Amino acid sequence: MILFGLEPCTVTDYHSPARIREDRFRGTLDDVIIIPAVLFALAVGKILRFVLSILMRLFDYAFPLAMQIFWLRFLRQRFWAASSLLS
């Protein structure tokens, strides 16, 4: 049956599978822009995560040390205040 002057397609009329596979994976200009941008974003994400983990470990050790330093300072002032009241 011919509809609108077109003949029906058969399986052999389609493109060859080898040509379809070759055309399907060809790199284009958008790949040249997108792939480096994605790789850059992944690298920046890993670097930021690494820096954040270092800062977290640093603060884990520095905060208790800073609290001890301030505690000793306040304790010293309390002793000096008490010793000035005795004299």
N, C-alpha and C. Protein backbone atom coordinates (compact mmCIF):
# COMPACT_ATOMS: atom_id res chain seq x y z
N MET A 1 0.84 -1.17 0.00
CA MET A 1 0.00 0.00 0.00
C MET A 1 0.88 1.24 0.00
N ILE A 2 0.64 2.12 -0.90
CA ILE A 2 1.40 3.35 -0.99
C ILE A 2 0.54 4.47 -0.44
N LEU A 3 1.08 5.16 0.56
CA LEU A 3 0.35 6.22 1.22
C LEU A 3 1.04 7.53 0.93
N PHE A 4 0.38 8.49 0.37
CA PHE A 4 0.91 9.81 0.03
C PHE A 4 2.13 9.73 -0.87
N GLY A 5 2.19 8.78 -1.71
CA GLY A 5 3.27 8.66 -2.67
C GLY A 5 4.55 8.09 -2.08
N LEU A 6 4.51 7.58 -0.85
CA LEU A 6 5.69 6.98 -0.23
C LEU A 6 5.55 5.48 -0.20
N GLU A 7 6.61 4.83 -0.48
CA GLU A 7 6.58 3.37 -0.40
C GLU A 7 6.89 2.96 1.03
N PRO A 8 6.37 1.85 1.51
CA PRO A 8 6.66 1.40 2.87
C PRO A 8 8.13 0.99 3.01
N CYS A 9 8.64 1.22 4.18
CA CYS A 9 10.04 0.88 4.45
C CYS A 9 10.15 -0.58 4.87
N THR A 10 11.20 -1.17 4.46
CA THR A 10 11.50 -2.53 4.91
C THR A 10 12.71 -2.48 5.81
N VAL A 11 13.04 -3.59 6.42
CA VAL A 11 14.16 -3.62 7.37
C VAL A 11 15.46 -3.28 6.67
N THR A 12 15.61 -3.62 5.44
CA THR A 12 16.86 -3.37 4.74
C THR A 12 17.01 -1.91 4.32
N ASP A 13 15.95 -1.11 4.44
CA ASP A 13 16.03 0.28 4.03
C ASP A 13 16.65 1.18 5.10
N TYR A 14 16.74 0.70 6.33
CA TYR A 14 17.28 1.53 7.40
C TYR A 14 18.80 1.60 7.32
N HIS A 15 19.38 2.45 8.13
CA HIS A 15 20.83 2.61 8.13
C HIS A 15 21.50 1.33 8.61
N SER A 16 22.71 1.18 8.18
CA SER A 16 23.44 -0.02 8.62
C SER A 16 23.85 0.15 10.09
N PRO A 17 23.83 -0.92 10.89
CA PRO A 17 24.19 -0.82 12.31
C PRO A 17 25.62 -0.34 12.53
N ALA A 18 26.53 -0.67 11.66
CA ALA A 18 27.92 -0.22 11.82
C ALA A 18 27.99 1.30 11.70
N ARG A 19 27.27 1.87 10.77
CA ARG A 19 27.28 3.32 10.60
C ARG A 19 26.59 4.02 11.77
N ILE A 20 25.52 3.43 12.30
CA ILE A 20 24.82 4.02 13.44
C ILE A 20 25.75 4.04 14.65
N ARG A 21 26.46 2.96 14.91
CA ARG A 21 27.38 2.91 16.05
C ARG A 21 28.50 3.92 15.89
N GLU A 22 28.96 4.09 14.68
CA GLU A 22 30.05 5.03 14.45
C GLU A 22 29.59 6.47 14.66
N ASP A 23 28.40 6.80 14.18
CA ASP A 23 27.87 8.16 14.32
C ASP A 23 27.43 8.47 15.74
N ARG A 24 27.01 7.48 16.47
CA ARG A 24 26.42 7.71 17.78
C ARG A 24 27.46 8.22 18.78
N PHE A 25 28.69 7.78 18.71
CA PHE A 25 29.69 8.11 19.72
C PHE A 25 30.73 9.11 19.23
N ARG A 26 30.38 9.92 18.29
CA ARG A 26 31.30 10.91 17.80
C ARG A 26 31.29 12.12 18.73
N GLY A 27 32.47 12.61 19.11
CA GLY A 27 32.57 13.78 19.98
C GLY A 27 32.25 15.05 19.22
N THR A 28 31.57 15.95 19.89
CA THR A 28 31.22 17.23 19.26
C THR A 28 31.75 18.36 20.11
N LEU A 29 31.43 19.57 19.71
CA LEU A 29 31.94 20.76 20.40
C LEU A 29 31.43 20.84 21.83
N ASP A 30 30.19 20.46 22.07
CA ASP A 30 29.67 20.53 23.43
C ASP A 30 30.39 19.54 24.35
N ASP A 31 30.86 18.41 23.82
CA ASP A 31 31.64 17.47 24.63
C ASP A 31 32.98 18.08 25.03
N VAL A 32 33.54 18.88 24.15
CA VAL A 32 34.83 19.52 24.44
C VAL A 32 34.68 20.51 25.60
N ILE A 33 33.52 21.10 25.75
CA ILE A 33 33.27 22.06 26.83
C ILE A 33 32.78 21.36 28.09
N ILE A 34 31.87 20.41 27.95
CA ILE A 34 31.22 19.79 29.11
C ILE A 34 32.17 18.88 29.87
N ILE A 35 32.91 18.03 29.19
CA ILE A 35 33.75 17.04 29.88
C ILE A 35 34.81 17.72 30.74
N PRO A 36 35.59 18.70 30.26
CA PRO A 36 36.53 19.36 31.17
C PRO A 36 35.85 20.12 32.31
N ALA A 37 34.67 20.69 32.04
CA ALA A 37 33.96 21.40 33.11
C ALA A 37 33.53 20.43 34.21
N VAL A 38 33.06 19.27 33.83
CA VAL A 38 32.66 18.27 34.83
C VAL A 38 33.88 17.77 35.59
N LEU A 39 34.96 17.50 34.90
CA LEU A 39 36.17 17.04 35.58
C LEU A 39 36.70 18.12 36.53
N PHE A 40 36.65 19.37 36.11
CA PHE A 40 37.08 20.47 36.98
C PHE A 40 36.19 20.56 38.22
N ALA A 41 34.88 20.43 38.03
CA ALA A 41 33.96 20.50 39.17
C ALA A 41 34.20 19.35 40.13
N LEU A 42 34.44 18.17 39.62
CA LEU A 42 34.74 17.03 40.49
C LEU A 42 36.04 17.24 41.26
N ALA A 43 37.05 17.76 40.58
CA ALA A 43 38.33 18.00 41.25
C ALA A 43 38.19 19.07 42.33
N VAL A 44 37.47 20.14 42.04
CA VAL A 44 37.26 21.19 43.03
C VAL A 44 36.48 20.65 44.22
N GLY A 45 35.50 19.82 43.97
CA GLY A 45 34.73 19.22 45.05
C GLY A 45 35.58 18.36 45.96
N LYS A 46 36.47 17.56 45.36
CA LYS A 46 37.35 16.71 46.18
C LYS A 46 38.35 17.55 46.96
N ILE A 47 38.87 18.60 46.35
CA ILE A 47 39.83 19.46 47.06
C ILE A 47 39.15 20.17 48.22
N LEU A 48 37.96 20.70 48.00
CA LEU A 48 37.23 21.38 49.08
C LEU A 48 36.88 20.41 50.21
N ARG A 49 36.51 19.20 49.86
CA ARG A 49 36.21 18.21 50.89
C ARG A 49 37.46 17.86 51.70
N PHE A 50 38.61 17.77 51.03
CA PHE A 50 39.86 17.49 51.71
C PHE A 50 40.24 18.63 52.65
N VAL A 51 40.12 19.87 52.18
CA VAL A 51 40.44 21.03 53.01
C VAL A 51 39.50 21.11 54.21
N LEU A 52 38.23 20.84 53.99
CA LEU A 52 37.27 20.86 55.08
C LEU A 52 37.58 19.79 56.12
N SER A 53 37.99 18.62 55.68
CA SER A 53 38.32 17.57 56.65
C SER A 53 39.56 17.95 57.46
N ILE A 54 40.53 18.61 56.83
CA ILE A 54 41.71 19.07 57.58
C ILE A 54 41.31 20.13 58.60
N LEU A 55 40.46 21.08 58.20
CA LEU A 55 40.00 22.11 59.14
C LEU A 55 39.21 21.50 60.30
N MET A 56 38.39 20.51 60.03
CA MET A 56 37.63 19.87 61.09
C MET A 56 38.56 19.18 62.09
N ARG A 57 39.57 18.49 61.59
CA ARG A 57 40.53 17.85 62.50
C ARG A 57 41.32 18.88 63.29
N LEU A 58 41.69 19.97 62.64
CA LEU A 58 42.43 21.03 63.33
C LEU A 58 41.59 21.63 64.45
N PHE A 59 40.32 21.92 64.17
CA PHE A 59 39.44 22.48 65.20
C PHE A 59 39.13 21.47 66.30
N ASP A 60 39.11 20.17 65.94
CA ASP A 60 38.89 19.16 66.97
C ASP A 60 40.00 19.18 68.02
N TYR A 61 41.22 19.44 67.59
CA TYR A 61 42.34 19.50 68.53
C TYR A 61 42.51 20.89 69.13
N ALA A 62 42.24 21.93 68.37
CA ALA A 62 42.51 23.29 68.83
C ALA A 62 41.47 23.78 69.84
N PHE A 63 40.22 23.39 69.70
CA PHE A 63 39.19 23.91 70.59
C PHE A 63 39.40 23.48 72.05
N PRO A 64 39.65 22.20 72.34
CA PRO A 64 39.91 21.85 73.74
C PRO A 64 41.17 22.52 74.29
N LEU A 65 42.18 22.67 73.47
CA LEU A 65 43.40 23.35 73.90
C LEU A 65 43.11 24.82 74.23
N ALA A 66 42.34 25.48 73.39
CA ALA A 66 41.98 26.87 73.65
C ALA A 66 41.13 26.99 74.92
N MET A 67 40.24 26.04 75.15
CA MET A 67 39.44 26.07 76.37
C MET A 67 40.31 25.90 77.61
N GLN A 68 41.32 25.07 77.54
CA GLN A 68 42.22 24.90 78.68
C GLN A 68 43.02 26.17 78.93
N ILE A 69 43.45 26.84 77.87
CA ILE A 69 44.22 28.08 78.03
C ILE A 69 43.34 29.15 78.69
N PHE A 70 42.11 29.32 78.24
CA PHE A 70 41.22 30.31 78.85
C PHE A 70 40.85 29.92 80.27
N TRP A 71 40.66 28.64 80.53
CA TRP A 71 40.33 28.19 81.87
C TRP A 71 41.46 28.51 82.83
N LEU A 72 42.71 28.28 82.40
CA LEU A 72 43.85 28.59 83.26
C LEU A 72 43.97 30.09 83.50
N ARG A 73 43.68 30.87 82.52
CA ARG A 73 43.73 32.33 82.67
C ARG A 73 42.72 32.81 83.71
N PHE A 74 41.49 32.29 83.61
CA PHE A 74 40.46 32.67 84.58
C PHE A 74 40.79 32.15 85.98
N LEU A 75 41.36 30.96 86.05
CA LEU A 75 41.75 30.41 87.35
C LEU A 75 42.84 31.26 87.99
N ARG A 76 43.80 31.71 87.19
CA ARG A 76 44.88 32.55 87.70
C ARG A 76 44.31 33.87 88.24
N GLN A 77 43.38 34.47 87.51
CA GLN A 77 42.77 35.72 87.99
C GLN A 77 42.00 35.49 89.28
N ARG A 78 41.37 34.35 89.40
CA ARG A 78 40.62 34.07 90.62
C ARG A 78 41.58 33.93 91.81
N PHE A 79 42.72 33.27 91.59
CA PHE A 79 43.69 33.13 92.68
C PHE A 79 44.29 34.47 93.05
N TRP A 80 44.59 35.31 92.08
CA TRP A 80 45.15 36.62 92.38
C TRP A 80 44.14 37.48 93.13
N ALA A 81 42.88 37.37 92.75
CA ALA A 81 41.84 38.12 93.45
C ALA A 81 41.71 37.64 94.89
N ALA A 82 41.78 36.34 95.08
CA ALA A 82 41.67 35.78 96.41
C ALA A 82 42.89 36.15 97.26
N SER A 83 44.07 36.16 96.66
CA SER A 83 45.28 36.50 97.41
C SER A 83 45.31 37.99 97.76
N SER A 84 44.72 38.84 96.92
CA SER A 84 44.69 40.27 97.24
C SER A 84 43.70 40.55 98.38
N LEU A 85 42.68 39.72 98.51
CA LEU A 85 41.74 39.90 99.61
C LEU A 85 42.35 39.48 100.94
N LEU A 86 43.29 38.51 100.91
CA LEU A 86 43.93 38.04 102.14
C LEU A 86 44.94 39.02 102.68
N SER A 87 45.55 39.78 101.82
CA SER A 87 46.60 40.68 102.31
C SER A 87 46.09 42.04 102.74
